[in-house]
Amino acid sequence: MMQHILANAAREATSWEGSSVAAHVAGAAGGVDGLSADRQQRLMRGETMAQYADIAYWASHFPFVASKLTEYIESWHAQPEQSRAGGMDPRRR
């Protein structure tokens, strides 16, 4: 799920610049290992698994990406409370 959010947010953020993921990466690829346009396009399509470095790269370049990922991670905390309210306490078997 995080990779899906990362990919959508990166596409949206680069489009706001009038660019694309491929164009952004082509301009930034100098000296950044693993940031080839080909690899990033595979990552965006879900063919290549995202690594922490990918998350860090996109989140540090686009605060919008960081915000979307943060929203998703924060939702993990709310889910057990919602489950308990519905009688499905994850601590019970």
N, C-alpha and C. Protein backbone atom coordinates (compact mmCIF):
# COMPACT_ATOMS: atom_id res chain seq x y z
N MET A 1 0.81 -1.19 0.00
CA MET A 1 0.00 0.00 0.00
C MET A 1 0.86 1.26 0.00
N MET A 2 1.97 1.23 0.77
CA MET A 2 2.83 2.42 0.81
C MET A 2 3.40 2.75 -0.56
N GLN A 3 3.75 1.72 -1.31
CA GLN A 3 4.31 1.97 -2.64
C GLN A 3 3.26 2.59 -3.55
N HIS A 4 2.05 2.14 -3.44
CA HIS A 4 0.95 2.71 -4.23
C HIS A 4 0.76 4.19 -3.89
N ILE A 5 0.77 4.51 -2.61
CA ILE A 5 0.63 5.90 -2.18
C ILE A 5 1.83 6.72 -2.65
N LEU A 6 3.03 6.16 -2.51
CA LEU A 6 4.25 6.83 -2.97
C LEU A 6 4.16 7.15 -4.46
N ALA A 7 3.78 6.16 -5.25
CA ALA A 7 3.73 6.34 -6.71
C ALA A 7 2.69 7.41 -7.09
N ASN A 8 1.51 7.32 -6.52
CA ASN A 8 0.47 8.30 -6.86
C ASN A 8 0.86 9.71 -6.43
N ALA A 9 1.43 9.83 -5.24
CA ALA A 9 1.83 11.15 -4.74
C ALA A 9 2.99 11.72 -5.55
N ALA A 10 3.94 10.89 -5.94
CA ALA A 10 5.07 11.36 -6.76
C ALA A 10 4.59 11.82 -8.13
N ARG A 11 3.69 11.06 -8.72
CA ARG A 11 3.12 11.47 -10.02
C ARG A 11 2.40 12.81 -9.90
N GLU A 12 1.59 12.93 -8.85
CA GLU A 12 0.83 14.16 -8.66
C GLU A 12 1.76 15.35 -8.41
N ALA A 13 2.76 15.15 -7.54
CA ALA A 13 3.68 16.24 -7.21
C ALA A 13 4.49 16.68 -8.42
N THR A 14 4.96 15.74 -9.22
CA THR A 14 5.73 16.14 -10.41
C THR A 14 4.83 16.81 -11.44
N SER A 15 3.57 16.39 -11.51
CA SER A 15 2.66 17.03 -12.47
C SER A 15 2.39 18.49 -12.10
N TRP A 16 2.40 18.80 -10.80
CA TRP A 16 2.21 20.19 -10.37
C TRP A 16 3.35 21.07 -10.86
N GLU A 17 4.51 20.46 -11.08
CA GLU A 17 5.66 21.20 -11.61
C GLU A 17 5.62 21.26 -13.13
N GLY A 18 4.59 20.67 -13.72
CA GLY A 18 4.52 20.59 -15.17
C GLY A 18 5.50 19.58 -15.72
N SER A 19 5.79 18.58 -14.92
CA SER A 19 6.79 17.59 -15.27
C SER A 19 6.19 16.20 -15.13
N SER A 20 7.05 15.20 -15.12
CA SER A 20 6.65 13.82 -14.90
C SER A 20 7.71 13.16 -14.05
N VAL A 21 7.42 11.97 -13.58
CA VAL A 21 8.41 11.23 -12.79
C VAL A 21 9.66 11.02 -13.63
N ALA A 22 9.50 10.58 -14.87
CA ALA A 22 10.65 10.31 -15.73
C ALA A 22 11.49 11.57 -15.96
N ALA A 23 10.83 12.68 -16.23
CA ALA A 23 11.56 13.93 -16.48
C ALA A 23 12.26 14.41 -15.21
N HIS A 24 11.59 14.29 -14.07
CA HIS A 24 12.20 14.70 -12.81
C HIS A 24 13.45 13.87 -12.52
N VAL A 25 13.32 12.57 -12.67
CA VAL A 25 14.44 11.68 -12.39
C VAL A 25 15.58 11.92 -13.37
N ALA A 26 15.27 12.16 -14.63
CA ALA A 26 16.31 12.43 -15.63
C ALA A 26 17.13 13.66 -15.24
N GLY A 27 16.47 14.66 -14.66
CA GLY A 27 17.17 15.86 -14.24
C GLY A 27 17.94 15.69 -12.96
N ALA A 28 17.57 14.73 -12.13
CA ALA A 28 18.19 14.55 -10.82
C ALA A 28 19.11 13.34 -10.75
N ALA A 29 19.17 12.56 -11.81
CA ALA A 29 19.84 11.26 -11.75
C ALA A 29 21.36 11.33 -11.61
N GLY A 30 21.96 12.45 -11.85
CA GLY A 30 23.41 12.53 -11.78
C GLY A 30 23.95 12.17 -10.41
N GLY A 31 24.59 11.02 -10.32
CA GLY A 31 25.23 10.61 -9.10
C GLY A 31 24.33 9.98 -8.04
N VAL A 32 23.07 9.77 -8.33
CA VAL A 32 22.17 9.15 -7.35
C VAL A 32 21.95 7.70 -7.75
N ASP A 33 22.54 6.79 -6.96
CA ASP A 33 22.40 5.36 -7.26
C ASP A 33 20.95 4.93 -7.18
N GLY A 34 20.52 4.11 -8.12
CA GLY A 34 19.18 3.56 -8.12
C GLY A 34 18.10 4.50 -8.59
N LEU A 35 18.50 5.67 -9.08
CA LEU A 35 17.50 6.66 -9.48
C LEU A 35 17.37 6.74 -11.00
N SER A 36 17.65 5.66 -11.67
CA SER A 36 17.50 5.68 -13.12
C SER A 36 16.03 5.83 -13.47
N ALA A 37 15.77 6.47 -14.57
CA ALA A 37 14.39 6.66 -15.02
C ALA A 37 13.70 5.32 -15.21
N ASP A 38 14.43 4.35 -15.76
CA ASP A 38 13.86 3.02 -16.00
C ASP A 38 13.43 2.36 -14.69
N ARG A 39 14.29 2.39 -13.68
CA ARG A 39 13.96 1.77 -12.40
C ARG A 39 12.79 2.49 -11.74
N GLN A 40 12.79 3.80 -11.77
CA GLN A 40 11.71 4.55 -11.14
C GLN A 40 10.38 4.32 -11.85
N GLN A 41 10.40 4.19 -13.16
CA GLN A 41 9.16 3.88 -13.88
C GLN A 41 8.64 2.50 -13.50
N ARG A 42 9.55 1.52 -13.34
CA ARG A 42 9.13 0.18 -12.89
C ARG A 42 8.57 0.25 -11.48
N LEU A 43 9.20 1.06 -10.63
CA LEU A 43 8.73 1.23 -9.27
C LEU A 43 7.32 1.83 -9.27
N MET A 44 7.09 2.83 -10.11
CA MET A 44 5.79 3.49 -10.17
C MET A 44 4.69 2.54 -10.69
N ARG A 45 5.08 1.58 -11.52
CA ARG A 45 4.11 0.60 -12.04
C ARG A 45 3.96 -0.60 -11.11
N GLY A 46 4.79 -0.68 -10.06
CA GLY A 46 4.72 -1.80 -9.13
C GLY A 46 5.51 -3.01 -9.57
N GLU A 47 6.33 -2.88 -10.59
CA GLU A 47 7.13 -4.01 -11.08
C GLU A 47 8.41 -4.19 -10.28
N THR A 48 8.86 -3.12 -9.65
CA THR A 48 10.06 -3.13 -8.80
C THR A 48 9.64 -2.68 -7.42
N MET A 49 10.09 -3.39 -6.39
CA MET A 49 9.70 -3.06 -5.03
C MET A 49 10.42 -1.79 -4.56
N ALA A 50 9.67 -0.89 -3.92
CA ALA A 50 10.25 0.34 -3.37
C ALA A 50 11.14 -0.02 -2.19
N GLN A 51 12.21 0.72 -2.06
CA GLN A 51 13.12 0.59 -0.93
C GLN A 51 13.03 1.85 -0.09
N TYR A 52 13.58 1.77 1.11
CA TYR A 52 13.56 2.95 1.98
C TYR A 52 14.18 4.16 1.29
N ALA A 53 15.23 3.94 0.53
CA ALA A 53 15.90 5.05 -0.17
C ALA A 53 14.95 5.74 -1.15
N ASP A 54 14.07 4.98 -1.79
CA ASP A 54 13.08 5.57 -2.70
C ASP A 54 12.12 6.46 -1.93
N ILE A 55 11.62 5.95 -0.81
CA ILE A 55 10.70 6.72 0.01
C ILE A 55 11.38 8.00 0.49
N ALA A 56 12.62 7.86 0.98
CA ALA A 56 13.36 9.02 1.48
C ALA A 56 13.60 10.04 0.37
N TYR A 57 13.95 9.57 -0.83
CA TYR A 57 14.21 10.49 -1.94
C TYR A 57 12.97 11.31 -2.27
N TRP A 58 11.85 10.63 -2.53
CA TRP A 58 10.64 11.32 -2.96
C TRP A 58 10.08 12.21 -1.85
N ALA A 59 10.11 11.72 -0.61
CA ALA A 59 9.59 12.51 0.51
C ALA A 59 10.44 13.75 0.77
N SER A 60 11.75 13.64 0.56
CA SER A 60 12.61 14.81 0.81
C SER A 60 12.51 15.85 -0.30
N HIS A 61 12.16 15.42 -1.50
CA HIS A 61 12.03 16.37 -2.61
C HIS A 61 10.63 16.97 -2.74
N PHE A 62 9.65 16.27 -2.24
CA PHE A 62 8.27 16.73 -2.35
C PHE A 62 7.56 16.55 -1.01
N PRO A 63 7.37 17.62 -0.24
CA PRO A 63 6.68 17.51 1.05
C PRO A 63 5.29 16.87 0.93
N PHE A 64 4.64 17.03 -0.22
CA PHE A 64 3.34 16.40 -0.44
C PHE A 64 3.44 14.89 -0.32
N VAL A 65 4.50 14.31 -0.87
CA VAL A 65 4.71 12.86 -0.78
C VAL A 65 4.87 12.46 0.68
N ALA A 66 5.67 13.20 1.42
CA ALA A 66 5.88 12.92 2.84
C ALA A 66 4.56 13.00 3.60
N SER A 67 3.74 13.99 3.29
CA SER A 67 2.45 14.15 3.97
C SER A 67 1.52 12.98 3.71
N LYS A 68 1.45 12.55 2.46
CA LYS A 68 0.57 11.43 2.11
C LYS A 68 1.02 10.14 2.80
N LEU A 69 2.33 9.90 2.83
CA LEU A 69 2.84 8.70 3.51
C LEU A 69 2.61 8.79 5.02
N THR A 70 2.78 9.98 5.58
CA THR A 70 2.54 10.18 7.01
C THR A 70 1.09 9.92 7.36
N GLU A 71 0.17 10.42 6.55
CA GLU A 71 -1.26 10.17 6.78
C GLU A 71 -1.54 8.67 6.83
N TYR A 72 -0.95 7.94 5.89
CA TYR A 72 -1.19 6.50 5.85
C TYR A 72 -0.61 5.81 7.10
N ILE A 73 0.60 6.16 7.46
CA ILE A 73 1.23 5.53 8.63
C ILE A 73 0.46 5.88 9.91
N GLU A 74 0.01 7.11 10.03
CA GLU A 74 -0.77 7.50 11.20
C GLU A 74 -2.09 6.72 11.28
N SER A 75 -2.61 6.29 10.15
CA SER A 75 -3.87 5.54 10.17
C SER A 75 -3.69 4.16 10.82
N TRP A 76 -2.46 3.67 10.90
CA TRP A 76 -2.23 2.37 11.53
C TRP A 76 -2.61 2.41 13.00
N HIS A 77 -2.38 3.55 13.63
CA HIS A 77 -2.68 3.68 15.05
C HIS A 77 -4.18 3.66 15.29
N ALA A 78 -4.95 4.24 14.42
CA ALA A 78 -6.39 4.34 14.60
C ALA A 78 -7.10 3.01 14.35
N GLN A 79 -6.55 2.16 13.54
CA GLN A 79 -7.25 0.93 13.17
C GLN A 79 -7.53 -0.01 14.33
N PRO A 80 -6.60 -0.28 15.26
CA PRO A 80 -6.95 -1.18 16.37
C PRO A 80 -8.09 -0.64 17.23
N GLU A 81 -8.14 0.68 17.44
CA GLU A 81 -9.23 1.27 18.21
C GLU A 81 -10.56 1.05 17.50
N GLN A 82 -10.57 1.21 16.19
CA GLN A 82 -11.79 1.00 15.42
C GLN A 82 -12.20 -0.48 15.50
N SER A 83 -11.22 -1.37 15.46
CA SER A 83 -11.52 -2.79 15.53
C SER A 83 -12.12 -3.14 16.88
N ARG A 84 -11.56 -2.58 17.96
CA ARG A 84 -12.09 -2.86 19.29
C ARG A 84 -13.52 -2.34 19.42
N ALA A 85 -13.78 -1.18 18.84
CA ALA A 85 -15.13 -0.62 18.90
C ALA A 85 -16.12 -1.54 18.21
N GLY A 86 -15.65 -2.25 17.20
CA GLY A 86 -16.53 -3.16 16.48
C GLY A 86 -16.53 -4.55 17.06
N GLY A 87 -15.86 -4.75 18.21
CA GLY A 87 -15.85 -6.06 18.85
C GLY A 87 -14.80 -7.00 18.32
N MET A 88 -13.90 -6.51 17.48
CA MET A 88 -12.88 -7.39 16.91
C MET A 88 -11.50 -7.01 17.45
N ASP A 89 -11.31 -7.13 18.74
CA ASP A 89 -10.05 -6.78 19.38
C ASP A 89 -8.95 -7.67 18.81
N PRO A 90 -7.92 -7.09 18.19
CA PRO A 90 -6.87 -7.92 17.59
C PRO A 90 -6.03 -8.67 18.60
N ARG A 91 -6.16 -8.34 19.89
CA ARG A 91 -5.40 -9.07 20.92
C ARG A 91 -6.09 -10.36 21.31
N ARG A 92 -7.33 -10.52 20.93
CA ARG A 92 -8.08 -11.74 21.25
C ARG A 92 -8.02 -12.70 20.07
N ARG A 93 -8.10 -13.95 20.39
CA ARG A 93 -8.13 -14.95 19.32
C ARG A 93 -9.40 -15.71 19.34
